[in-house]
């Protein structure tokens, strides 16, 4: 996939059918970001700018640089796309409407959708690959069933055993929302002032605790704001992602405390029930309190901010939260 430069600083990502330019001050060349073996400049609003380099050895684990050393010697002689024999790709890659053939050359052709492209992990889908063929996405594990969206769902409701794939740090959890556990849930334990999102990531479930009522404050309400913006940190990719520079409501999303609206616990329960839909992709910016879950999904004064993002793969829709005593 190639990122095309539009209007000087705005890039059309082929994964996203829109441009992320917004009417706000964004600092050019604010940070570097590496994705799919290519290193780019990004603005302070997390918008892509020009390509810096194609990484012969792929991206480094910090996602802000190319990997310094290769375990093998890249070979792109006579190739313009596809693998370079190591962990990187041969530049410049193919545009939409072209496919990379076995010789590493771009040619016109139909590039079929994969199960991952269509957010499906199970079921057989007739004529669904975009090239006139069926798409077979496999079966669900025991105890789960394939729903109408091609997602494996538990036969029951919420789960009580969680995975171990998180590191104790700030980051972004990309997965599929399994269940929303409301306050004082009768089946899965919860307190009276949080919503717990259960997110399935790479076959395991993770617990995300979200404040919907403030404690120890004269103002018990939680303030919320939602907006559409590019997914900070690069394209959605199932997994746990950490960054050298975290999400910030002000400098990345361009919002301040005056944008937020006060809401009672009951009003936020309605918001979660109506907007946060199980079975679909989700991204959560949070602090992992352990290997199985996270919290601090709100404005944080001294470390990266938290947020929930629905539709993260196609049209990212952020839900932001703050407390009544926070001003920024």
Protein backbone atom coordinates (compact mmCIF):
# COMPACT_ATOMS: atom_id res chain seq x y z
CA UNK A 1 0.00 0.00 0.00
CA UNK A 2 1.26 3.41 -0.85
CA UNK A 3 0.53 6.62 1.01
CA UNK A 4 -0.20 9.43 -1.46
CA UNK A 5 0.56 13.04 -0.57
CA UNK A 6 -2.53 15.25 -0.77
CA UNK A 7 -2.68 19.02 -0.18
CA UNK A 8 0.90 19.22 1.01
CA UNK A 9 0.57 17.51 4.37
CA UNK A 10 -2.45 15.20 4.20
CA UNK A 11 -1.99 11.61 3.09
CA UNK A 12 -4.64 9.35 1.70
CA UNK A 13 -4.07 6.02 3.40
CA UNK A 14 -5.33 3.20 1.24
CA UNK A 15 -6.64 1.55 4.35
CA UNK A 16 -8.76 4.66 5.03
CA UNK A 17 -11.03 6.30 2.46
CA UNK A 18 -10.71 9.78 3.84
CA UNK A 19 -8.20 12.50 4.49
CA UNK A 20 -7.40 13.38 8.08
CA UNK A 21 -6.79 17.09 7.59
CA UNK A 22 -8.66 19.22 10.10
CA UNK A 23 -8.92 22.93 10.73
CA UNK A 24 -6.51 23.13 13.66
CA UNK A 25 -2.87 23.85 14.31
CA UNK A 26 -0.74 20.79 13.64
CA UNK A 27 3.02 20.91 13.97
CA UNK A 28 4.75 19.52 10.88
CA UNK A 29 7.47 16.85 11.30
CA UNK A 30 6.41 16.37 14.93
CA UNK A 31 7.32 12.68 15.10
CA UNK A 32 8.40 9.72 13.01
CA UNK A 33 6.21 6.63 12.62
CA UNK A 34 7.07 3.31 11.00
CA UNK A 35 4.37 1.12 9.44
CA UNK A 36 4.53 -1.83 7.02
CA UNK A 37 8.26 -1.40 6.56
CA UNK A 38 8.05 2.31 5.72
CA UNK A 39 9.16 5.24 7.89
CA UNK A 40 7.06 8.44 7.68
CA UNK A 41 6.90 11.86 9.23
CA UNK A 42 3.72 12.62 11.22
CA UNK A 43 2.26 15.91 12.39
CA UNK A 44 1.36 16.53 16.04
CA UNK A 45 -2.20 15.62 14.99
CA UNK A 46 -1.00 12.12 13.98
CA UNK A 47 -1.47 12.86 10.27
CA UNK A 48 0.96 11.29 7.82
CA UNK A 49 3.40 13.45 5.88
CA UNK A 50 6.14 12.41 3.45
CA UNK A 51 7.92 9.07 3.30
CA UNK A 52 11.36 9.19 4.92
CA UNK A 53 12.63 5.75 4.01
CA UNK A 54 11.70 2.21 3.07
CA UNK A 55 13.09 -0.03 5.81
CA UNK A 56 15.19 -2.84 4.38
CA UNK A 57 14.91 -4.79 7.63
CA UNK A 58 11.37 -3.77 8.54
CA UNK A 59 10.19 -1.51 11.37
CA UNK A 60 11.82 -1.50 14.78
CA UNK A 61 9.69 -2.58 17.74
CA UNK A 62 9.35 1.04 18.93
CA UNK A 63 7.44 1.87 15.68
CA UNK A 64 9.40 5.12 15.32
CA UNK A 65 12.43 3.90 13.40
CA UNK A 66 13.71 1.28 10.98
CA UNK A 67 15.27 -1.86 12.36
CA UNK A 68 19.01 -1.28 12.43
CA UNK A 69 20.27 -4.77 11.71
CA UNK A 70 19.00 -7.53 9.46
CA UNK A 71 19.44 -11.18 10.21
CA UNK A 72 19.71 -11.64 6.45
CA UNK A 73 20.67 -9.57 3.41
CA UNK A 74 17.68 -7.91 1.68
CA UNK A 75 17.38 -8.67 -2.03
CA UNK A 76 15.26 -6.36 -4.21
CA UNK A 77 17.19 -6.70 -7.44
CA UNK A 78 14.67 -6.42 -10.27
CA UNK A 79 11.75 -6.21 -7.83
CA UNK A 80 9.36 -3.33 -7.06
CA UNK A 81 7.05 -5.01 -4.55
CA UNK A 82 6.72 -7.98 -2.24
CA UNK A 83 9.10 -9.39 0.33
CA UNK A 84 12.76 -8.47 0.25
CA UNK A 85 13.62 -11.84 1.74
CA UNK A 86 13.92 -10.45 5.25
CA UNK A 87 11.22 -8.67 7.25
CA UNK A 88 10.88 -5.67 4.92
CA UNK A 89 9.30 -5.03 1.52
CA UNK A 90 10.72 -3.92 -1.78
CA UNK A 91 9.95 -0.29 -2.73
CA UNK A 92 7.87 1.36 -4.01
CA UNK A 93 5.05 -1.23 -3.80
CA UNK A 94 1.84 -1.50 -5.85
CA UNK A 95 -1.04 0.97 -6.16
CA UNK A 96 -4.69 -0.06 -5.87
CA UNK A 97 -5.78 -2.04 -8.92
CA UNK A 98 -2.40 -3.75 -9.17
CA UNK A 99 -1.07 -6.89 -7.55
CA UNK A 100 2.46 -8.05 -6.88
CA UNK A 101 3.28 -11.12 -8.94
CA UNK A 102 5.69 -13.92 -8.06
CA UNK A 103 8.53 -12.03 -9.78
CA UNK A 104 8.08 -8.99 -7.51
CA UNK A 105 6.56 -6.81 -10.24
CA UNK A 106 3.26 -4.87 -10.17
CA UNK A 107 0.64 -5.95 -12.68
CA UNK A 108 -3.03 -5.21 -13.18
CA UNK A 109 -5.24 -7.67 -11.38
CA UNK A 110 -7.77 -8.26 -8.64
CA UNK A 111 -6.38 -8.26 -5.14
CA UNK A 112 -8.74 -10.44 -3.08
CA UNK A 113 -9.91 -9.47 0.37
CA UNK A 114 -8.76 -11.67 3.22
CA UNK A 115 -10.80 -12.69 6.24
CA UNK A 116 -8.81 -10.15 8.26
CA UNK A 117 -9.59 -7.39 5.74
CA UNK A 118 -13.31 -8.01 6.29
CA UNK A 119 -13.08 -8.40 10.09
CA UNK A 120 -14.12 -12.05 9.90
CA UNK A 121 -12.61 -14.92 11.85
CA UNK A 122 -15.10 -17.70 11.06
CA UNK A 123 -17.69 -18.90 8.55
CA UNK A 124 -17.84 -19.42 4.80
CA UNK A 125 -18.85 -16.33 2.80
CA UNK A 126 -20.07 -16.65 -0.78
CA UNK A 127 -18.48 -14.36 -3.40
CA UNK A 128 -16.97 -12.31 -0.58
CA UNK A 129 -13.32 -11.99 -1.60
CA UNK A 130 -14.04 -9.15 -4.07
CA UNK A 131 -12.76 -11.24 -6.97
CA UNK A 132 -15.76 -13.53 -7.42
CA UNK A 133 -14.66 -16.33 -5.13
CA UNK A 134 -15.90 -17.60 -1.77
CA UNK A 135 -14.04 -16.68 1.40
CA UNK A 136 -13.47 -19.44 3.95
CA UNK A 137 -12.62 -18.13 7.39
CA UNK A 138 -12.65 -21.33 9.43
CA UNK A 139 -14.46 -22.51 12.55
CA UNK A 140 -14.73 -21.17 16.09
CA UNK A 141 -13.14 -22.86 19.12
CA UNK A 142 -15.28 -25.08 21.32
CA UNK A 143 -17.72 -23.07 23.39
CA UNK A 144 -18.03 -20.30 20.81
CA UNK A 145 -20.28 -19.78 17.79
CA UNK A 146 -19.90 -17.78 14.58
CA UNK A 147 -22.24 -14.77 14.51
CA UNK A 148 -23.74 -12.98 11.51
CA UNK A 149 -20.69 -10.72 11.28
CA UNK A 150 -18.23 -13.60 11.07
CA UNK A 151 -16.98 -13.17 14.63
CA UNK A 152 -16.63 -15.94 17.21
CA UNK A 153 -18.84 -15.23 20.19
CA UNK A 154 -19.06 -17.01 23.52
CA UNK A 155 -22.14 -19.19 23.96
CA UNK A 156 -22.71 -17.35 27.23
CA UNK A 157 -22.20 -13.70 28.06
CA UNK A 158 -19.18 -12.26 29.84
CA UNK A 159 -16.01 -14.13 30.69
CA UNK A 160 -14.08 -14.25 33.95
CA UNK A 161 -10.70 -15.58 32.82
CA UNK A 162 -8.35 -13.15 31.11
CA UNK A 163 -5.24 -13.35 28.94
CA UNK A 164 -1.61 -12.53 29.63
CA UNK A 165 -0.52 -10.62 26.52
CA UNK A 166 -0.24 -7.08 27.95
CA UNK A 167 2.79 -5.36 29.43
CA UNK A 168 2.41 -2.99 32.38
CA UNK A 169 2.62 0.24 30.38
CA UNK A 170 0.54 2.74 28.47
CA UNK A 171 -0.54 1.62 25.03
CA UNK A 172 -3.31 0.79 22.59
CA UNK A 173 -5.28 -2.46 22.71
CA UNK A 174 -6.60 -3.44 19.26
CA UNK A 175 -9.11 -6.27 19.31
CA UNK A 176 -12.79 -7.13 19.05
CA UNK A 177 -15.30 -6.13 21.70
CA UNK A 178 -16.72 -9.27 23.28
CA UNK A 179 -18.97 -7.90 26.00
CA UNK A 180 -19.91 -4.75 27.95
CA UNK A 181 -20.24 -5.42 31.68
CA UNK A 182 -22.42 -2.73 33.23
CA UNK A 183 -22.23 -1.62 36.89
CA UNK A 184 -23.30 -4.22 39.46
CA UNK A 185 -23.61 -6.94 36.81
CA UNK A 186 -25.27 -10.06 38.19
CA UNK A 187 -22.96 -12.57 36.42
CA UNK A 188 -19.52 -10.99 36.11
CA UNK A 189 -18.24 -9.09 39.15
CA UNK A 190 -18.18 -5.30 38.82
CA UNK A 191 -18.47 -2.31 41.13
CA UNK A 192 -21.09 0.45 40.99
CA UNK A 193 -19.13 3.16 39.13
CA UNK A 194 -17.34 1.46 36.23
CA UNK A 195 -18.16 -0.15 32.92
CA UNK A 196 -15.89 -3.06 32.04
CA UNK A 197 -15.20 -3.76 28.39
CA UNK A 198 -14.15 -7.32 27.58
CA UNK A 199 -11.96 -7.22 24.49
CA UNK A 200 -10.87 -10.31 22.57
CA UNK A 201 -7.33 -10.04 21.21
CA UNK A 202 -5.46 -12.90 19.52
CA UNK A 203 -7.73 -15.55 21.00
CA UNK A 204 -7.66 -14.26 24.59
CA UNK A 205 -9.92 -11.89 26.52
CA UNK A 206 -8.85 -8.70 28.30
CA UNK A 207 -10.57 -6.61 30.95
CA UNK A 208 -10.82 -2.82 30.43
CA UNK A 209 -12.15 -0.76 33.33
CA UNK A 210 -13.79 2.58 32.41
CA UNK A 211 -14.90 5.16 34.99
CA UNK A 212 -18.46 6.35 34.49
CA UNK A 213 -18.76 8.06 37.88
CA UNK A 214 -16.18 10.05 39.84
CA UNK A 215 -15.38 9.13 43.44
CA UNK A 216 -13.95 11.37 46.13
CA UNK A 217 -15.17 14.50 44.36
CA UNK A 218 -17.99 17.00 44.89
CA UNK A 219 -18.95 16.44 41.25
CA UNK A 220 -19.76 12.75 40.66
CA UNK A 221 -20.43 13.18 36.94
CA UNK A 222 -17.97 12.15 34.24
CA UNK A 223 -17.62 14.48 31.26
CA UNK A 224 -17.44 13.06 27.74
CA UNK A 225 -16.75 14.18 24.18
CA UNK A 226 -16.65 12.28 20.89
CA UNK A 227 -15.03 13.09 17.55
CA UNK A 228 -13.80 11.50 14.34
CA UNK A 229 -10.02 11.59 13.78
CA UNK A 230 -7.22 9.43 12.40
CA UNK A 231 -6.27 6.50 14.62
CA UNK A 232 -3.29 7.67 16.64
CA UNK A 233 -0.27 5.39 16.43
CA UNK A 234 -0.93 4.00 12.96
CA UNK A 235 -3.43 1.59 11.37
CA UNK A 236 -5.45 -0.84 13.49
CA UNK A 237 -3.68 -4.16 13.94
CA UNK A 238 -4.90 -6.80 16.37
CA UNK A 239 -2.54 -6.76 19.35
CA UNK A 240 -1.11 -4.63 22.18
CA UNK A 241 0.86 -1.60 20.96
CA UNK A 242 3.08 0.71 23.01
CA UNK A 243 4.45 4.04 21.78
CA UNK A 244 7.30 6.34 22.71
CA UNK A 245 4.83 9.26 22.55
CA UNK A 246 1.35 8.58 23.92
CA UNK A 247 -2.11 9.94 23.11
CA UNK A 248 -2.79 13.50 24.29
CA UNK A 249 -6.23 15.11 24.03
CA UNK A 250 -4.80 18.58 23.47
CA UNK A 251 -1.74 18.07 21.27
CA UNK A 252 -2.96 15.09 19.23
CA UNK A 253 -6.73 15.56 19.04
CA UNK A 254 -6.93 19.35 19.48
CA UNK A 255 -9.62 19.38 22.17
CA UNK A 256 -9.84 21.08 25.55
CA UNK A 257 -11.92 20.68 28.69
CA UNK A 258 -14.60 23.08 27.45
CA UNK A 259 -15.55 20.65 24.66
CA UNK A 260 -16.77 18.04 27.15
CA UNK A 261 -20.38 17.54 28.31
CA UNK A 262 -21.33 16.44 31.82
CA UNK A 263 -23.15 13.11 32.12
CA UNK A 264 -24.62 11.08 34.96
CA UNK A 265 -23.84 7.42 35.46
CA UNK A 266 -27.23 6.50 34.00
CA UNK A 267 -26.61 8.62 30.89
CA UNK A 268 -23.22 7.02 30.30
CA UNK A 269 -24.71 3.54 30.65
CA UNK A 270 -27.09 4.43 27.81
CA UNK A 271 -24.12 5.72 25.76
CA UNK A 272 -22.23 2.46 26.18
CA UNK A 273 -25.28 0.33 25.42
CA UNK A 274 -26.08 2.25 22.22
CA UNK A 275 -22.64 3.06 20.79
CA UNK A 276 -20.21 0.37 21.94
CA UNK A 277 -21.32 -2.73 20.02
CA UNK A 278 -19.94 -6.24 20.77
CA UNK A 279 -18.44 -8.23 17.93
CA UNK A 280 -16.86 -5.29 16.11
CA UNK A 281 -13.24 -4.03 16.03
CA UNK A 282 -12.27 -1.63 18.81
CA UNK A 283 -9.17 0.24 19.97
CA UNK A 284 -8.66 1.27 23.59
CA UNK A 285 -5.92 3.66 24.71
CA UNK A 286 -5.23 2.77 28.34
CA UNK A 287 -2.73 1.91 31.04
CA UNK A 288 -2.28 -1.84 31.51
CA UNK A 289 -2.43 -2.59 35.24
CA UNK A 290 -1.20 -6.13 34.55
CA UNK A 291 -0.98 -8.71 31.79
CA UNK A 292 -4.74 -9.24 31.67
CA UNK A 293 -6.33 -5.80 31.70
CA UNK A 294 -6.16 -2.03 31.81
CA UNK A 295 -7.70 1.17 33.16
CA UNK A 296 -7.26 4.98 33.14
CA UNK A 297 -9.39 5.32 30.01
CA UNK A 298 -9.76 9.07 30.51
CA UNK A 299 -7.76 12.31 30.68
CA UNK A 300 -4.61 11.76 32.73
CA UNK A 301 -2.59 14.64 34.07
CA UNK A 302 0.92 13.17 34.12
CA UNK A 303 0.89 10.32 31.62
CA UNK A 304 -0.81 9.53 28.28
CA UNK A 305 -4.57 9.98 27.96
CA UNK A 306 -7.00 7.11 27.52
CA UNK A 307 -9.83 6.75 25.00
CA UNK A 308 -12.18 4.29 23.32
CA UNK A 309 -12.23 4.19 19.51
CA UNK A 310 -14.97 2.40 17.56
CA UNK A 311 -14.74 1.76 13.81
CA UNK A 312 -10.94 2.02 14.15
CA UNK A 313 -10.21 0.38 10.78
CA UNK A 314 -12.45 2.49 8.54
CA UNK A 315 -13.67 5.69 10.22
CA UNK A 316 -12.18 6.04 13.73
CA UNK A 317 -14.68 7.49 16.21
CA UNK A 318 -13.15 8.54 19.55
CA UNK A 319 -14.94 8.65 22.91
CA UNK A 320 -13.03 10.81 25.40
CA UNK A 321 -13.64 11.21 29.13
CA UNK A 322 -12.54 13.58 31.90
CA UNK A 323 -13.49 14.40 35.48
CA UNK A 324 -15.08 17.61 36.71
CA UNK A 325 -11.92 18.85 38.41
CA UNK A 326 -9.75 18.59 35.27
CA UNK A 327 -9.10 21.68 33.19
CA UNK A 328 -6.84 21.73 30.12
